[in-house]
Structures are given as structure tokens and as C-alpha cells.
């Protein structure tokens, strides 16, 4: 819409100006946090293939304690990710 009115270069200029304004805002408004206080890693990270697939642990079923005291497994995150994956795959394979 901006490009239709003011030319093809204007959207890029608007995006660049928005980036500069956002950078200036973050630089001026956010407090400085020293990196030493944030990086409290005392244990070494997993290396190799295990470290590559470590974020997939989020998909593992979680154990939840119900109000009655019964412990059950919750598969919500796994089902949500599977649904998103199948939705993307079905959109890719959808005939035009």
C-alpha cells in the first residue's frame, strides 16, 4: 500500500526508519544487565547429536498432579505440535 502511493523504495525506507526508532528505544529505555549476572551456567552443555536434539525434550509428555492427587501424563504440547505440523504439511500438499 505504501509502495503503491509513494513508490517501490518507500516501504524499505519505512522499515529501516522503524528499525532505527526501535533500536534507539531499546538503547535508551532498557536497563543494562551485566552478562556475568545472567550466565550462571555451572554445568557444561550437552555436545554432539544429543545437544542438537535437546530442545525436543519440550515435546515429552509432562506429569501432572490432579487435584485428587492422581498423577497423569499430559500430552498437550505434543498434540499441539503434531497438529501444527500436519496443518503445514496439508497446506503444502494441497492442490492449487
N, C-alpha and C. Protein backbone atom coordinates (compact mmCIF):
# COMPACT_ATOMS: atom_id res chain seq x y z
N UNK A 1 0.81 -1.18 0.00
CA UNK A 1 0.00 0.00 0.00
C UNK A 1 0.86 1.25 0.00
N UNK A 2 1.93 1.24 0.81
CA UNK A 2 2.82 2.40 0.80
C UNK A 2 3.53 2.49 -0.55
N UNK A 3 3.94 1.35 -1.07
CA UNK A 3 4.63 1.32 -2.35
C UNK A 3 3.77 1.77 -3.50
N UNK A 4 2.47 1.50 -3.42
CA UNK A 4 1.56 1.93 -4.50
C UNK A 4 1.42 3.45 -4.54
N UNK A 5 1.50 4.07 -3.38
CA UNK A 5 1.28 5.51 -3.32
C UNK A 5 2.58 6.29 -3.55
N UNK A 6 3.65 5.92 -2.84
CA UNK A 6 4.88 6.72 -2.86
C UNK A 6 6.05 6.06 -3.60
N UNK A 7 5.87 4.96 -4.21
CA UNK A 7 6.95 4.33 -4.97
C UNK A 7 7.46 3.07 -4.29
N UNK A 8 8.23 2.30 -5.05
CA UNK A 8 8.66 0.98 -4.60
C UNK A 8 9.72 1.05 -3.50
N UNK A 9 10.49 2.13 -3.41
CA UNK A 9 11.54 2.22 -2.40
C UNK A 9 11.01 2.61 -1.02
N UNK A 10 9.85 3.24 -0.97
CA UNK A 10 9.34 3.78 0.30
C UNK A 10 9.10 2.71 1.37
N UNK A 11 8.57 1.52 1.09
CA UNK A 11 8.39 0.53 2.16
C UNK A 11 9.71 0.13 2.82
N UNK A 12 10.78 0.06 2.06
CA UNK A 12 12.08 -0.29 2.64
C UNK A 12 12.60 0.84 3.51
N UNK A 13 12.37 2.07 3.09
CA UNK A 13 12.78 3.20 3.90
C UNK A 13 11.98 3.27 5.20
N UNK A 14 10.71 2.97 5.13
CA UNK A 14 9.87 2.96 6.33
C UNK A 14 10.33 1.85 7.28
N UNK A 15 10.64 0.68 6.75
CA UNK A 15 11.13 -0.42 7.58
C UNK A 15 12.46 -0.06 8.23
N UNK A 16 13.35 0.58 7.49
CA UNK A 16 14.65 0.98 8.04
C UNK A 16 14.47 2.02 9.14
N UNK A 17 13.61 2.99 8.92
CA UNK A 17 13.35 4.01 9.95
C UNK A 17 12.71 3.39 11.19
N UNK A 18 11.82 2.43 11.00
CA UNK A 18 11.21 1.74 12.14
C UNK A 18 12.26 0.96 12.92
N UNK A 19 13.20 0.35 12.22
CA UNK A 19 14.30 -0.36 12.87
C UNK A 19 15.15 0.60 13.69
N UNK A 20 15.47 1.76 13.13
CA UNK A 20 16.27 2.74 13.85
C UNK A 20 15.54 3.27 15.09
N UNK A 21 14.27 3.54 14.96
CA UNK A 21 13.49 4.03 16.10
C UNK A 21 13.40 2.96 17.19
N UNK A 22 13.17 1.71 16.78
CA UNK A 22 13.11 0.62 17.75
C UNK A 22 14.44 0.40 18.45
N UNK A 23 15.54 0.49 17.70
CA UNK A 23 16.87 0.34 18.29
C UNK A 23 17.14 1.45 19.29
N UNK A 24 16.82 2.68 18.92
CA UNK A 24 17.04 3.81 19.83
C UNK A 24 16.19 3.66 21.09
N UNK A 25 14.95 3.20 20.94
CA UNK A 25 14.08 3.00 22.10
C UNK A 25 14.67 1.96 23.06
N UNK A 26 15.12 0.84 22.51
CA UNK A 26 15.70 -0.21 23.35
C UNK A 26 16.96 0.28 24.02
N UNK A 27 17.79 1.00 23.30
CA UNK A 27 19.05 1.50 23.85
C UNK A 27 18.81 2.49 24.98
N UNK A 28 17.77 3.31 24.85
CA UNK A 28 17.51 4.34 25.86
C UNK A 28 16.62 3.84 27.01
N UNK A 29 15.69 2.96 26.74
CA UNK A 29 14.69 2.61 27.74
C UNK A 29 15.04 1.38 28.58
N UNK A 30 15.74 0.41 28.01
CA UNK A 30 16.02 -0.81 28.77
C UNK A 30 17.26 -0.64 29.64
N UNK A 31 17.22 -1.17 30.87
CA UNK A 31 18.40 -1.06 31.74
C UNK A 31 19.49 -2.02 31.30
N UNK A 32 20.72 -1.69 31.66
CA UNK A 32 21.85 -2.55 31.33
C UNK A 32 21.94 -3.67 32.36
N UNK A 33 22.03 -4.90 31.89
CA UNK A 33 22.20 -6.06 32.77
C UNK A 33 23.55 -6.68 32.42
N UNK A 34 24.49 -6.71 33.36
CA UNK A 34 25.79 -7.30 33.05
C UNK A 34 25.66 -8.78 32.70
N UNK A 35 26.45 -9.22 31.75
CA UNK A 35 26.36 -10.60 31.29
C UNK A 35 26.80 -11.60 32.36
N UNK A 36 27.62 -11.18 33.30
CA UNK A 36 28.06 -12.10 34.35
C UNK A 36 26.90 -12.53 35.24
N UNK A 37 25.93 -11.64 35.45
CA UNK A 37 24.80 -11.98 36.32
C UNK A 37 23.80 -12.89 35.62
N UNK A 38 23.79 -12.90 34.30
CA UNK A 38 22.84 -13.71 33.55
C UNK A 38 23.37 -15.11 33.30
N UNK A 39 24.63 -15.22 32.96
CA UNK A 39 25.19 -16.52 32.59
C UNK A 39 25.68 -17.25 33.83
N UNK A 40 24.79 -17.96 34.47
CA UNK A 40 25.14 -18.73 35.65
C UNK A 40 25.24 -20.20 35.35
N UNK A 41 25.72 -20.56 34.18
CA UNK A 41 25.84 -21.96 33.79
C UNK A 41 26.97 -22.62 34.57
N UNK A 42 26.61 -23.54 35.45
CA UNK A 42 27.63 -24.26 36.19
C UNK A 42 27.89 -25.64 35.59
N UNK A 43 26.90 -26.18 34.89
CA UNK A 43 27.09 -27.48 34.26
C UNK A 43 27.36 -27.29 32.77
N UNK A 44 28.23 -28.10 32.21
CA UNK A 44 28.52 -27.97 30.78
C UNK A 44 27.34 -28.45 29.94
N UNK A 45 27.19 -27.86 28.76
CA UNK A 45 26.12 -28.24 27.86
C UNK A 45 26.40 -29.59 27.22
N UNK A 46 25.35 -30.22 26.72
CA UNK A 46 25.47 -31.50 26.05
C UNK A 46 26.05 -31.24 24.66
N UNK A 47 27.03 -32.01 24.27
CA UNK A 47 27.68 -31.82 22.97
C UNK A 47 27.22 -32.91 22.01
N UNK A 48 27.42 -32.66 20.74
CA UNK A 48 27.15 -33.64 19.70
C UNK A 48 25.68 -33.69 19.32
N UNK A 49 25.25 -34.87 18.91
CA UNK A 49 23.89 -35.08 18.42
C UNK A 49 22.88 -34.88 19.55
N UNK A 50 23.24 -35.30 20.76
CA UNK A 50 22.34 -35.13 21.91
C UNK A 50 22.05 -33.67 22.18
N UNK A 51 23.04 -32.81 22.02
CA UNK A 51 22.83 -31.38 22.21
C UNK A 51 21.98 -30.77 21.12
N UNK A 52 22.09 -31.32 19.91
CA UNK A 52 21.30 -30.82 18.79
C UNK A 52 19.82 -31.10 19.00
N UNK A 53 19.50 -32.29 19.51
CA UNK A 53 18.11 -32.68 19.70
C UNK A 53 17.59 -32.38 21.10
N UNK A 54 18.38 -31.73 21.96
CA UNK A 54 17.96 -31.42 23.32
C UNK A 54 16.68 -30.57 23.40
N UNK A 55 16.46 -29.59 22.51
CA UNK A 55 15.21 -28.82 22.60
C UNK A 55 13.95 -29.65 22.38
N UNK A 56 14.08 -30.83 21.79
CA UNK A 56 12.90 -31.67 21.57
C UNK A 56 12.36 -32.27 22.86
N UNK A 57 13.09 -32.11 23.97
CA UNK A 57 12.59 -32.60 25.25
C UNK A 57 11.31 -31.88 25.66
N UNK A 58 11.07 -30.72 25.09
CA UNK A 58 9.85 -29.97 25.39
C UNK A 58 8.63 -30.76 24.96
N UNK A 59 8.78 -31.59 23.92
CA UNK A 59 7.65 -32.35 23.40
C UNK A 59 7.31 -33.58 24.24
N UNK A 60 8.17 -33.92 25.18
CA UNK A 60 7.92 -35.11 26.00
C UNK A 60 6.68 -34.88 26.86
N UNK A 61 5.92 -35.94 27.12
CA UNK A 61 4.73 -35.79 27.96
C UNK A 61 5.12 -35.34 29.38
N UNK A 62 4.32 -34.46 29.95
CA UNK A 62 4.61 -33.95 31.28
C UNK A 62 3.72 -34.66 32.29
N UNK A 63 4.28 -34.86 33.48
CA UNK A 63 3.49 -35.47 34.55
C UNK A 63 2.78 -34.35 35.31
N UNK A 64 1.48 -34.52 35.48
CA UNK A 64 0.66 -33.52 36.13
C UNK A 64 -0.05 -34.18 37.30
N UNK A 65 -0.06 -33.50 38.44
CA UNK A 65 -0.78 -33.99 39.61
C UNK A 65 -2.15 -33.32 39.64
N UNK A 66 -3.19 -34.13 39.58
CA UNK A 66 -4.55 -33.61 39.61
C UNK A 66 -4.93 -33.19 41.03
N UNK A 67 -6.03 -32.50 41.16
CA UNK A 67 -6.49 -32.03 42.46
C UNK A 67 -6.78 -33.20 43.40
N UNK A 68 -7.16 -34.33 42.82
CA UNK A 68 -7.46 -35.51 43.63
C UNK A 68 -6.19 -36.22 44.10
N UNK A 69 -5.03 -35.80 43.61
CA UNK A 69 -3.77 -36.42 44.00
C UNK A 69 -3.29 -37.45 43.00
N UNK A 70 -4.07 -37.74 41.97
CA UNK A 70 -3.70 -38.71 40.95
C UNK A 70 -2.70 -38.09 39.98
N UNK A 71 -1.66 -38.84 39.65
CA UNK A 71 -0.65 -38.34 38.73
C UNK A 71 -0.93 -38.91 37.33
N UNK A 72 -1.06 -38.02 36.34
CA UNK A 72 -1.33 -38.43 34.97
C UNK A 72 -0.32 -37.76 34.04
N UNK A 73 -0.22 -38.31 32.82
CA UNK A 73 0.64 -37.71 31.81
C UNK A 73 -0.18 -36.76 30.95
N UNK A 74 0.40 -35.60 30.64
CA UNK A 74 -0.28 -34.59 29.83
C UNK A 74 0.42 -34.54 28.46
N UNK A 75 -0.32 -34.81 27.39
CA UNK A 75 0.23 -34.87 26.04
C UNK A 75 -0.12 -33.62 25.22
N UNK A 76 -0.50 -32.53 25.86
CA UNK A 76 -0.99 -31.35 25.17
C UNK A 76 -0.01 -30.73 24.20
N UNK A 77 1.24 -30.55 24.62
CA UNK A 77 2.23 -29.90 23.76
C UNK A 77 2.54 -30.77 22.55
N UNK A 78 2.63 -32.08 22.78
CA UNK A 78 2.91 -32.99 21.67
C UNK A 78 1.78 -32.99 20.65
N UNK A 79 0.55 -32.98 21.13
CA UNK A 79 -0.61 -32.96 20.23
C UNK A 79 -0.68 -31.63 19.48
N UNK A 80 -0.39 -30.53 20.18
CA UNK A 80 -0.41 -29.23 19.53
C UNK A 80 0.63 -29.16 18.41
N UNK A 81 1.85 -29.60 18.68
CA UNK A 81 2.90 -29.57 17.66
C UNK A 81 2.58 -30.49 16.49
N UNK A 82 2.02 -31.65 16.78
CA UNK A 82 1.64 -32.56 15.71
C UNK A 82 0.54 -31.94 14.84
N UNK A 83 -0.40 -31.26 15.46
CA UNK A 83 -1.46 -30.60 14.69
C UNK A 83 -0.93 -29.49 13.80
N UNK A 84 0.00 -28.69 14.33
CA UNK A 84 0.59 -27.63 13.52
C UNK A 84 1.38 -28.23 12.36
N UNK A 85 2.16 -29.27 12.63
CA UNK A 85 2.94 -29.92 11.59
C UNK A 85 2.03 -30.48 10.49
N UNK A 86 0.97 -31.17 10.89
CA UNK A 86 0.06 -31.75 9.90
C UNK A 86 -0.69 -30.65 9.13
N UNK A 87 -0.98 -29.55 9.79
CA UNK A 87 -1.62 -28.44 9.09
C UNK A 87 -0.73 -27.84 8.04
N UNK A 88 0.56 -27.71 8.34
CA UNK A 88 1.51 -27.17 7.37
C UNK A 88 1.71 -28.15 6.22
N UNK A 89 1.84 -29.43 6.55
CA UNK A 89 2.02 -30.44 5.51
C UNK A 89 0.80 -30.50 4.61
N UNK A 90 -0.39 -30.41 5.19
CA UNK A 90 -1.60 -30.48 4.35
C UNK A 90 -1.72 -29.24 3.46
N UNK A 91 -1.23 -28.12 3.93
CA UNK A 91 -1.28 -26.90 3.10
C UNK A 91 -0.26 -27.00 1.95
N UNK A 92 0.88 -27.61 2.22
CA UNK A 92 1.89 -27.76 1.18
C UNK A 92 1.41 -28.73 0.10
N UNK A 93 0.78 -29.81 0.52
CA UNK A 93 0.35 -30.82 -0.45
C UNK A 93 -1.03 -30.53 -1.03
N UNK A 94 -1.65 -29.43 -0.64
CA UNK A 94 -2.97 -29.07 -1.15
C UNK A 94 -2.86 -28.70 -2.63
N UNK A 95 -3.66 -29.33 -3.49
CA UNK A 95 -3.57 -28.98 -4.92
C UNK A 95 -4.07 -27.56 -5.16
N UNK A 96 -3.49 -26.87 -6.12
CA UNK A 96 -3.89 -25.47 -6.38
C UNK A 96 -5.25 -25.33 -6.97
